[in-house]
Amino acid sequence: MSEPQNNERTFEESLLELERMVRELEDGRLGLEDALARYEQGVGLIKACYQQLRQAEQRILLLTGIDDEQQPILQPFKHEATAVAKKR
């Protein structure tokens, strides 16, 4: 059974796979070689996720208005939390 390459997975699929790998590693049932292999696969998935996030970030632009030629004025999206956290 062949697994898809990191670049063929969606971001969400990669996160689910990472969660599964973490559970396997935390379970402690894997041998050393299998644990190391899972760890290395996880590092690859994390790198792929960061790459996907960087690509998505570059695509996000904030519309700030319209110029004299009726063209949209865009600026890069700023990394700021805007939602208020709910108290539990």
PDB file of N, CA and C in Angstrom:
ATOM      1  N   MET A   1       0.852  -1.180   0.000  1.00  0.00           N
ATOM      2  CA  MET A   1       0.000   0.000   0.000  1.00  0.00           C
ATOM      3  C   MET A   1       0.888   1.231   0.000  1.00  0.00           C
ATOM      4  N   SER A   2       0.792   2.076  -1.010  1.00  0.00           N
ATOM      5  CA  SER A   2       1.635   3.261  -1.066  1.00  0.00           C
ATOM      6  C   SER A   2       0.868   4.465  -0.550  1.00  0.00           C
ATOM      7  N   GLU A   3       1.551   5.269   0.270  1.00  0.00           N
ATOM      8  CA  GLU A   3       0.938   6.472   0.817  1.00  0.00           C
ATOM      9  C   GLU A   3       1.200   7.630  -0.127  1.00  0.00           C
ATOM     10  N   PRO A   4       0.262   8.612  -0.199  1.00  0.00           N
ATOM     11  CA  PRO A   4       0.500   9.760  -1.051  1.00  0.00           C
ATOM     12  C   PRO A   4       1.662  10.582  -0.525  1.00  0.00           C
ATOM     13  N   GLN A   5       2.329  11.274  -1.409  1.00  0.00           N
ATOM     14  CA  GLN A   5       3.417  12.153  -1.018  1.00  0.00           C
ATOM     15  C   GLN A   5       2.851  13.344  -0.242  1.00  0.00           C
ATOM     16  N   ASN A   6       3.713  14.016   0.557  1.00  0.00           N
ATOM     17  CA  ASN A   6       3.289  15.154   1.367  1.00  0.00           C
ATOM     18  C   ASN A   6       2.598  16.229   0.539  1.00  0.00           C
ATOM     19  N   ASN A   7       3.108  16.488  -0.674  1.00  0.00           N
ATOM     20  CA  ASN A   7       2.555  17.564  -1.479  1.00  0.00           C
ATOM     21  C   ASN A   7       1.216  17.187  -2.101  1.00  0.00           C
ATOM     22  N   GLU A   8       0.805  15.917  -1.992  1.00  0.00           N
ATOM     23  CA  GLU A   8      -0.483  15.503  -2.522  1.00  0.00           C
ATOM     24  C   GLU A   8      -1.572  15.563  -1.455  1.00  0.00           C
ATOM     25  N   ARG A   9      -1.198  15.702  -0.195  1.00  0.00           N
ATOM     26  CA  ARG A   9      -2.157  15.768   0.905  1.00  0.00           C
ATOM     27  C   ARG A   9      -2.633  17.197   1.081  1.00  0.00           C
ATOM     28  N   THR A  10      -3.879  17.318   1.523  1.00  0.00           N
ATOM     29  CA  THR A  10      -4.345  18.639   1.911  1.00  0.00           C
ATOM     30  C   THR A  10      -3.734  18.980   3.265  1.00  0.00           C
ATOM     31  N   PHE A  11      -3.825  20.221   3.646  1.00  0.00           N
ATOM     32  CA  PHE A  11      -3.319  20.658   4.948  1.00  0.00           C
ATOM     33  C   PHE A  11      -4.008  19.877   6.064  1.00  0.00           C
ATOM     34  N   GLU A  12      -5.326  19.745   5.928  1.00  0.00           N
ATOM     35  CA  GLU A  12      -6.104  19.051   6.949  1.00  0.00           C
ATOM     36  C   GLU A  12      -5.733  17.576   7.043  1.00  0.00           C
ATOM     37  N   GLU A  13      -5.509  16.949   5.899  1.00  0.00           N
ATOM     38  CA  GLU A  13      -5.088  15.542   5.896  1.00  0.00           C
ATOM     39  C   GLU A  13      -3.730  15.384   6.573  1.00  0.00           C
ATOM     40  N   SER A  14      -2.837  16.319   6.328  1.00  0.00           N
ATOM     41  CA  SER A  14      -1.520  16.272   6.951  1.00  0.00           C
ATOM     42  C   SER A  14      -1.628  16.406   8.456  1.00  0.00           C
ATOM     43  N   LEU A  15      -2.489  17.304   8.925  1.00  0.00           N
ATOM     44  CA  LEU A  15      -2.665  17.470  10.368  1.00  0.00           C
ATOM     45  C   LEU A  15      -3.229  16.205  11.004  1.00  0.00           C
ATOM     46  N   LEU A  16      -4.207  15.597  10.345  1.00  0.00           N
ATOM     47  CA  LEU A  16      -4.772  14.351  10.866  1.00  0.00           C
ATOM     48  C   LEU A  16      -3.716  13.253  10.933  1.00  0.00           C
ATOM     49  N   GLU A  17      -2.886  13.173   9.911  1.00  0.00           N
ATOM     50  CA  GLU A  17      -1.819  12.176   9.891  1.00  0.00           C
ATOM     51  C   GLU A  17      -0.814  12.450  11.003  1.00  0.00           C
ATOM     52  N   LEU A  18      -0.484  13.718  11.232  1.00  0.00           N
ATOM     53  CA  LEU A  18       0.427  14.067  12.323  1.00  0.00           C
ATOM     54  C   LEU A  18      -0.155  13.665  13.669  1.00  0.00           C
ATOM     55  N   GLU A  19      -1.445  13.917  13.864  1.00  0.00           N
ATOM     56  CA  GLU A  19      -2.101  13.536  15.116  1.00  0.00           C
ATOM     57  C   GLU A  19      -2.033  12.022  15.322  1.00  0.00           C
ATOM     58  N   ARG A  20      -2.247  11.262  14.249  1.00  0.00           N
ATOM     59  CA  ARG A  20      -2.177   9.809  14.332  1.00  0.00           C
ATOM     60  C   ARG A  20      -0.766   9.363  14.710  1.00  0.00           C
ATOM     61  N   MET A  21       0.236   9.988  14.090  1.00  0.00           N
ATOM     62  CA  MET A  21       1.624   9.640  14.385  1.00  0.00           C
ATOM     63  C   MET A  21       1.975   9.947  15.839  1.00  0.00           C
ATOM     64  N   VAL A  22       1.514  11.086  16.334  1.00  0.00           N
ATOM     65  CA  VAL A  22       1.791  11.458  17.724  1.00  0.00           C
ATOM     66  C   VAL A  22       1.175  10.431  18.668  1.00  0.00           C
ATOM     67  N   ARG A  23      -0.064  10.019  18.374  1.00  0.00           N
ATOM     68  CA  ARG A  23      -0.709   9.001  19.223  1.00  0.00           C
ATOM     69  C   ARG A  23       0.102   7.700  19.219  1.00  0.00           C
ATOM     70  N   GLU A  24       0.575   7.289  18.038  1.00  0.00           N
ATOM     71  CA  GLU A  24       1.378   6.068  17.945  1.00  0.00           C
ATOM     72  C   GLU A  24       2.673   6.194  18.751  1.00  0.00           C
ATOM     73  N   LEU A  25       3.312   7.351  18.659  1.00  0.00           N
ATOM     74  CA  LEU A  25       4.558   7.558  19.385  1.00  0.00           C
ATOM     75  C   LEU A  25       4.319   7.617  20.892  1.00  0.00           C
ATOM     76  N   GLU A  26       3.240   8.274  21.296  1.00  0.00           N
ATOM     77  CA  GLU A  26       2.933   8.375  22.722  1.00  0.00           C
ATOM     78  C   GLU A  26       2.499   7.037  23.312  1.00  0.00           C
ATOM     79  N   ASP A  27       1.914   6.191  22.484  1.00  0.00           N
ATOM     80  CA  ASP A  27       1.448   4.886  22.930  1.00  0.00           C
ATOM     81  C   ASP A  27       2.608   4.021  23.417  1.00  0.00           C
ATOM     82  N   GLY A  28       3.772   4.195  22.822  1.00  0.00           N
ATOM     83  CA  GLY A  28       4.953   3.481  23.262  1.00  0.00           C
ATOM     84  C   GLY A  28       5.057   2.047  22.777  1.00  0.00           C
ATOM     85  N   ARG A  29       4.216   1.647  21.868  1.00  0.00           N
ATOM     86  CA  ARG A  29       4.239   0.264  21.379  1.00  0.00           C
ATOM     87  C   ARG A  29       5.172   0.070  20.183  1.00  0.00           C
ATOM     88  N   LEU A  30       5.641   1.148  19.596  1.00  0.00           N
ATOM     89  CA  LEU A  30       6.526   1.038  18.435  1.00  0.00           C
ATOM     90  C   LEU A  30       7.939   0.730  18.884  1.00  0.00           C
ATOM     91  N   GLY A  31       8.632  -0.046  18.082  1.00  0.00           N
ATOM     92  CA  GLY A  31      10.052  -0.264  18.328  1.00  0.00           C
ATOM     93  C   GLY A  31      10.828   0.994  17.971  1.00  0.00           C
ATOM     94  N   LEU A  32      12.084   0.995  18.317  1.00  0.00           N
ATOM     95  CA  LEU A  32      12.926   2.167  18.089  1.00  0.00           C
ATOM     96  C   LEU A  32      12.965   2.568  16.620  1.00  0.00           C
ATOM     97  N   GLU A  33      13.198   1.622  15.727  1.00  0.00           N
ATOM     98  CA  GLU A  33      13.295   1.944  14.299  1.00  0.00           C
ATOM     99  C   GLU A  33      11.976   2.485  13.749  1.00  0.00           C
ATOM    100  N   ASP A  34      10.860   1.863  14.146  1.00  0.00           N
ATOM    101  CA  ASP A  34       9.552   2.336  13.693  1.00  0.00           C
ATOM    102  C   ASP A  34       9.248   3.728  14.258  1.00  0.00           C
ATOM    103  N   ALA A  35       9.612   3.949  15.509  1.00  0.00           N
ATOM    104  CA  ALA A  35       9.383   5.256  16.133  1.00  0.00           C
ATOM    105  C   ALA A  35      10.195   6.335  15.429  1.00  0.00           C
ATOM    106  N   LEU A  36      11.456   6.020  15.114  1.00  0.00           N
ATOM    107  CA  LEU A  36      12.297   6.987  14.393  1.00  0.00           C
ATOM    108  C   LEU A  36      11.738   7.268  12.999  1.00  0.00           C
ATOM    109  N   ALA A  37      11.256   6.219  12.342  1.00  0.00           N
ATOM    110  CA  ALA A  37      10.681   6.406  11.002  1.00  0.00           C
ATOM    111  C   ALA A  37       9.450   7.297  11.080  1.00  0.00           C
ATOM    112  N   ARG A  38       8.579   7.073  12.068  1.00  0.00           N
ATOM    113  CA  ARG A  38       7.380   7.905  12.228  1.00  0.00           C
ATOM    114  C   ARG A  38       7.766   9.356  12.527  1.00  0.00           C
ATOM    115  N   TYR A  39       8.782   9.518  13.387  1.00  0.00           N
ATOM    116  CA  TYR A  39       9.255  10.853  13.723  1.00  0.00           C
ATOM    117  C   TYR A  39       9.732  11.586  12.474  1.00  0.00           C
ATOM    118  N   GLU A  40      10.519  10.910  11.655  1.00  0.00           N
ATOM    119  CA  GLU A  40      11.030  11.520  10.421  1.00  0.00           C
ATOM    120  C   GLU A  40       9.890  11.857   9.469  1.00  0.00           C
ATOM    121  N   GLN A  41       8.903  10.970   9.370  1.00  0.00           N
ATOM    122  CA  GLN A  41       7.740  11.257   8.531  1.00  0.00           C
ATOM    123  C   GLN A  41       6.990  12.474   9.061  1.00  0.00           C
ATOM    124  N   GLY A  42       6.881  12.557  10.380  1.00  0.00           N
ATOM    125  CA  GLY A  42       6.203  13.694  11.004  1.00  0.00           C
ATOM    126  C   GLY A  42       6.895  15.009  10.718  1.00  0.00           C
ATOM    127  N   VAL A  43       8.230  14.997  10.786  1.00  0.00           N
ATOM    128  CA  VAL A  43       8.994  16.211  10.477  1.00  0.00           C
ATOM    129  C   VAL A  43       8.733  16.636   9.033  1.00  0.00           C
ATOM    130  N   GLY A  44       8.679  15.668   8.126  1.00  0.00           N
ATOM    131  CA  GLY A  44       8.374  15.979   6.725  1.00  0.00           C
ATOM    132  C   GLY A  44       6.980  16.572   6.575  1.00  0.00           C
ATOM    133  N   LEU A  45       6.014  16.019   7.298  1.00  0.00           N
ATOM    134  CA  LEU A  45       4.648  16.559   7.237  1.00  0.00           C
ATOM    135  C   LEU A  45       4.584  17.974   7.798  1.00  0.00           C
ATOM    136  N   ILE A  46       5.307  18.213   8.882  1.00  0.00           N
ATOM    137  CA  ILE A  46       5.324  19.559   9.470  1.00  0.00           C
ATOM    138  C   ILE A  46       5.909  20.561   8.472  1.00  0.00           C
ATOM    139  N   LYS A  47       6.979  20.194   7.809  1.00  0.00           N
ATOM    140  CA  LYS A  47       7.571  21.083   6.805  1.00  0.00           C
ATOM    141  C   LYS A  47       6.582  21.354   5.680  1.00  0.00           C
ATOM    142  N   ALA A  48       5.875  20.314   5.250  1.00  0.00           N
ATOM    143  CA  ALA A  48       4.883  20.486   4.184  1.00  0.00           C
ATOM    144  C   ALA A  48       3.758  21.409   4.645  1.00  0.00           C
ATOM    145  N   CYS A  49       3.321  21.264   5.898  1.00  0.00           N
ATOM    146  CA  CYS A  49       2.258  22.120   6.436  1.00  0.00           C
ATOM    147  C   CYS A  49       2.707  23.579   6.473  1.00  0.00           C
ATOM    148  N   TYR A  50       3.928  23.819   6.952  1.00  0.00           N
ATOM    149  CA  TYR A  50       4.443  25.184   6.994  1.00  0.00           C
ATOM    150  C   TYR A  50       4.527  25.779   5.587  1.00  0.00           C
ATOM    151  N   GLN A  51       4.940  24.973   4.624  1.00  0.00           N
ATOM    152  CA  GLN A  51       5.007  25.453   3.243  1.00  0.00           C
ATOM    153  C   GLN A  51       3.619  25.822   2.742  1.00  0.00           C
ATOM    154  N   GLN A  52       2.627  24.972   3.026  1.00  0.00           N
ATOM    155  CA  GLN A  52       1.258  25.272   2.600  1.00  0.00           C
ATOM    156  C   GLN A  52       0.749  26.541   3.273  1.00  0.00           C
ATOM    157  N   LEU A  53       1.089  26.733   4.553  1.00  0.00           N
ATOM    158  CA  LEU A  53       0.669  27.956   5.245  1.00  0.00           C
ATOM    159  C   LEU A  53       1.326  29.192   4.636  1.00  0.00           C
ATOM    160  N   ARG A  54       2.614  29.089   4.301  1.00  0.00           N
ATOM    161  CA  ARG A  54       3.296  30.232   3.669  1.00  0.00           C
ATOM    162  C   ARG A  54       2.664  30.571   2.320  1.00  0.00           C
ATOM    163  N   GLN A  55       2.337  29.537   1.560  1.00  0.00           N
ATOM    164  CA  GLN A  55       1.705  29.780   0.264  1.00  0.00           C
ATOM    165  C   GLN A  55       0.339  30.428   0.427  1.00  0.00           C
ATOM    166  N   ALA A  56      -0.422  29.963   1.393  1.00  0.00           N
ATOM    167  CA  ALA A  56      -1.748  30.537   1.640  1.00  0.00           C
ATOM    168  C   ALA A  56      -1.612  31.979   2.106  1.00  0.00           C
ATOM    169  N   GLU A  57      -0.642  32.241   2.961  1.00  0.00           N
ATOM    170  CA  GLU A  57      -0.414  33.586   3.468  1.00  0.00           C
ATOM    171  C   GLU A  57      -0.116  34.561   2.336  1.00  0.00           C
ATOM    172  N   GLN A  58       0.653  34.120   1.371  1.00  0.00           N
ATOM    173  CA  GLN A  58       1.004  34.977   0.255  1.00  0.00           C
ATOM    174  C   GLN A  58      -0.210  35.300  -0.611  1.00  0.00           C
ATOM    175  N   ARG A  59      -1.206  34.441  -0.559  1.00  0.00           N
ATOM    176  CA  ARG A  59      -2.409  34.657  -1.371  1.00  0.00           C
ATOM    177  C   ARG A  59      -3.423  35.559  -0.684  1.00  0.00           C
ATOM    178  N   ILE A  60      -3.267  35.746   0.617  1.00  0.00           N
ATOM    179  CA  ILE A  60      -4.234  36.554   1.361  1.00  0.00           C
ATOM    180  C   ILE A  60      -3.825  38.022   1.297  1.00  0.00           C
ATOM    181  N   LEU A  61      -4.684  38.808   0.742  1.00  0.00           N
ATOM    182  CA  LEU A  61      -4.451  40.248   0.682  1.00  0.00           C
ATOM    183  C   LEU A  61      -5.661  40.956   1.251  1.00  0.00           C
ATOM    184  N   LEU A  62      -5.430  42.086   1.841  1.00  0.00           N
ATOM    185  CA  LEU A  62      -6.497  42.870   2.433  1.00  0.00           C
ATOM    186  C   LEU A  62      -6.864  44.002   1.480  1.00  0.00           C
ATOM    187  N   LEU A  63      -8.117  44.074   1.120  1.00  0.00           N
ATOM    188  CA  LEU A  63      -8.605  45.149   0.260  1.00  0.00           C
ATOM    189  C   LEU A  63      -8.739  46.400   1.113  1.00  0.00           C
ATOM    190  N   THR A  64      -7.993  47.458   0.752  1.00  0.00           N
ATOM    191  CA  THR A  64      -8.013  48.677   1.557  1.00  0.00           C
ATOM    192  C   THR A  64      -8.715  49.835   0.872  1.00  0.00           C
ATOM    193  N   GLY A  65      -9.165  49.666  -0.350  1.00  0.00           N
ATOM    194  CA  GLY A  65      -9.858  50.734  -1.046  1.00  0.00           C
ATOM    195  C   GLY A  65      -9.720  50.594  -2.549  1.00  0.00           C
ATOM    196  N   ILE A  66     -10.051  51.679  -3.256  1.00  0.00           N
ATOM    197  CA  ILE A  66      -9.975  51.709  -4.720  1.00  0.00           C
ATOM    198  C   ILE A  66      -9.195  52.956  -5.107  1.00  0.00           C
ATOM    199  N   ASP A  67      -8.259  52.811  -6.067  1.00  0.00           N
ATOM    200  CA  ASP A  67      -7.461  53.954  -6.489  1.00  0.00           C
ATOM    201  C   ASP A  67      -8.220  54.784  -7.529  1.00  0.00           C
ATOM    202  N   ASP A  68      -7.568  55.800  -8.071  1.00  0.00           N
ATOM    203  CA  ASP A  68      -8.194  56.710  -9.032  1.00  0.00           C
ATOM    204  C   ASP A  68      -8.647  56.005 -10.307  1.00  0.00           C
ATOM    205  N   GLU A  69      -8.012  54.896 -10.639  1.00  0.00           N
ATOM    206  CA  GLU A  69      -8.371  54.152 -11.846  1.00  0.00           C
ATOM    207  C   GLU A  69      -9.334  53.012 -11.549  1.00  0.00           C
ATOM    208  N   GLN A  70      -9.960  53.068 -10.388  1.00  0.00           N
ATOM    209  CA  GLN A  70     -10.936  52.065  -9.951  1.00  0.00           C
ATOM    210  C   GLN A  70     -10.341  50.674  -9.785  1.00  0.00           C
ATOM    211  N   GLN A  71      -9.050  50.631  -9.516  1.00  0.00           N
ATOM    212  CA  GLN A  71      -8.374  49.368  -9.245  1.00  0.00           C
ATOM    213  C   GLN A  71      -8.293  49.164  -7.736  1.00  0.00           C
ATOM    214  N   PRO A  72      -8.429  47.941  -7.275  1.00  0.00           N
ATOM    215  CA  PRO A  72      -8.366  47.702  -5.822  1.00  0.00           C
ATOM    216  C   PRO A  72      -6.980  47.993  -5.273  1.00  0.00           C
ATOM    217  N   ILE A  73      -6.937  48.560  -4.095  1.00  0.00           N
ATOM    218  CA  ILE A  73      -5.690  48.782  -3.373  1.00  0.00           C
ATOM    219  C   ILE A  73      -5.565  47.628  -2.380  1.00  0.00           C
ATOM    220  N   LEU A  74      -4.487  46.884  -2.498  1.00  0.00           N
ATOM    221  CA  LEU A  74      -4.285  45.708  -1.661  1.00  0.00           C
ATOM    222  C   LEU A  74      -3.052  45.880  -0.800  1.00  0.00           C
ATOM    223  N   GLN A  75      -3.082  45.291   0.366  1.00  0.00           N
ATOM    224  CA  GLN A  75      -1.896  45.250   1.215  1.00  0.00           C
ATOM    225  C   GLN A  75      -1.813  43.869   1.840  1.00  0.00           C
ATOM    226  N   PRO A  76      -0.613  43.440   2.213  1.00  0.00           N
ATOM    227  CA  PRO A  76      -0.469  42.103   2.807  1.00  0.00           C
ATOM    228  C   PRO A  76      -1.285  41.977   4.086  1.00  0.00           C
ATOM    229  N   PHE A  77      -1.787  40.784   4.304  1.00  0.00           N
ATOM    230  CA  PHE A  77      -2.547  40.476   5.499  1.00  0.00           C
ATOM    231  C   PHE A  77      -1.615  40.451   6.701  1.00  0.00           C
ATOM    232  N   LYS A  78      -2.013  41.102   7.806  1.00  0.00           N
ATOM    233  CA  LYS A  78      -1.188  41.139   9.015  1.00  0.00           C
ATOM    234  C   LYS A  78      -1.600  40.009   9.941  1.00  0.00           C
ATOM    235  N   HIS A  79      -0.615  39.425  10.596  1.00  0.00           N
ATOM    236  CA  HIS A  79      -0.861  38.298  11.500  1.00  0.00           C
ATOM    237  C   HIS A  79      -1.300  38.828  12.863  1.00  0.00           C
ATOM    238  N   GLU A  80      -2.560  39.072  13.027  1.00  0.00           N
ATOM    239  CA  GLU A  80      -3.062  39.547  14.305  1.00  0.00           C
ATOM    240  C   GLU A  80      -4.329  38.791  14.658  1.00  0.00           C
ATOM    241  N   ALA A  81      -4.430  38.437  15.919  1.00  0.00           N
ATOM    242  CA  ALA A  81      -5.658  37.798  16.372  1.00  0.00           C
ATOM    243  C   ALA A  81      -6.729  38.872  16.484  1.00  0.00           C
ATOM    244  N   THR A  82      -7.882  38.609  15.907  1.00  0.00           N
ATOM    245  CA  THR A  82      -8.965  39.596  15.962  1.00  0.00           C
ATOM    246  C   THR A  82     -10.153  39.096  16.743  1.00  0.00           C
ATOM    247  N   ALA A  83     -10.229  37.803  16.971  1.00  0.00           N
ATOM    248  CA  ALA A  83     -11.355  37.245  17.695  1.00  0.00           C
ATOM    249  C   ALA A  83     -11.088  37.324  19.199  1.00  0.00           C
ATOM    250  N   VAL A  84     -12.148  37.522  19.939  1.00  0.00           N
ATOM    251  CA  VAL A  84     -12.043  37.544  21.391  1.00  0.00           C
ATOM    252  C   VAL A  84     -12.249  36.115  21.893  1.00  0.00           C
ATOM    253  N   ALA A  85     -11.346  35.656  22.722  1.00  0.00           N
ATOM    254  CA  ALA A  85     -11.450  34.293  23.235  1.00  0.00           C
ATOM    255  C   ALA A  85     -12.606  34.198  24.218  1.00  0.00           C
ATOM    256  N   LYS A  86     -13.352  33.084  24.128  1.00  0.00           N
ATOM    257  CA  LYS A  86     -14.460  32.856  25.038  1.00  0.00           C
ATOM    258  C   LYS A  86     -13.938  32.374  26.373  1.00  0.00           C
ATOM    259  N   LYS A  87     -14.549  32.861  27.448  1.00  0.00           N
ATOM    260  CA  LYS A  87     -14.185  32.382  28.787  1.00  0.00           C
ATOM    261  C   LYS A  87     -14.937  31.101  29.048  1.00  0.00           C
ATOM    262  N   ARG A  88     -14.247  30.154  29.641  1.00  0.00           N
ATOM    263  CA  ARG A  88     -14.873  28.857  29.949  1.00  0.00           C
ATOM    264  C   ARG A  88     -15.116  28.713  31.404  1.00  0.00           C
TER     265      ARG A  88
END
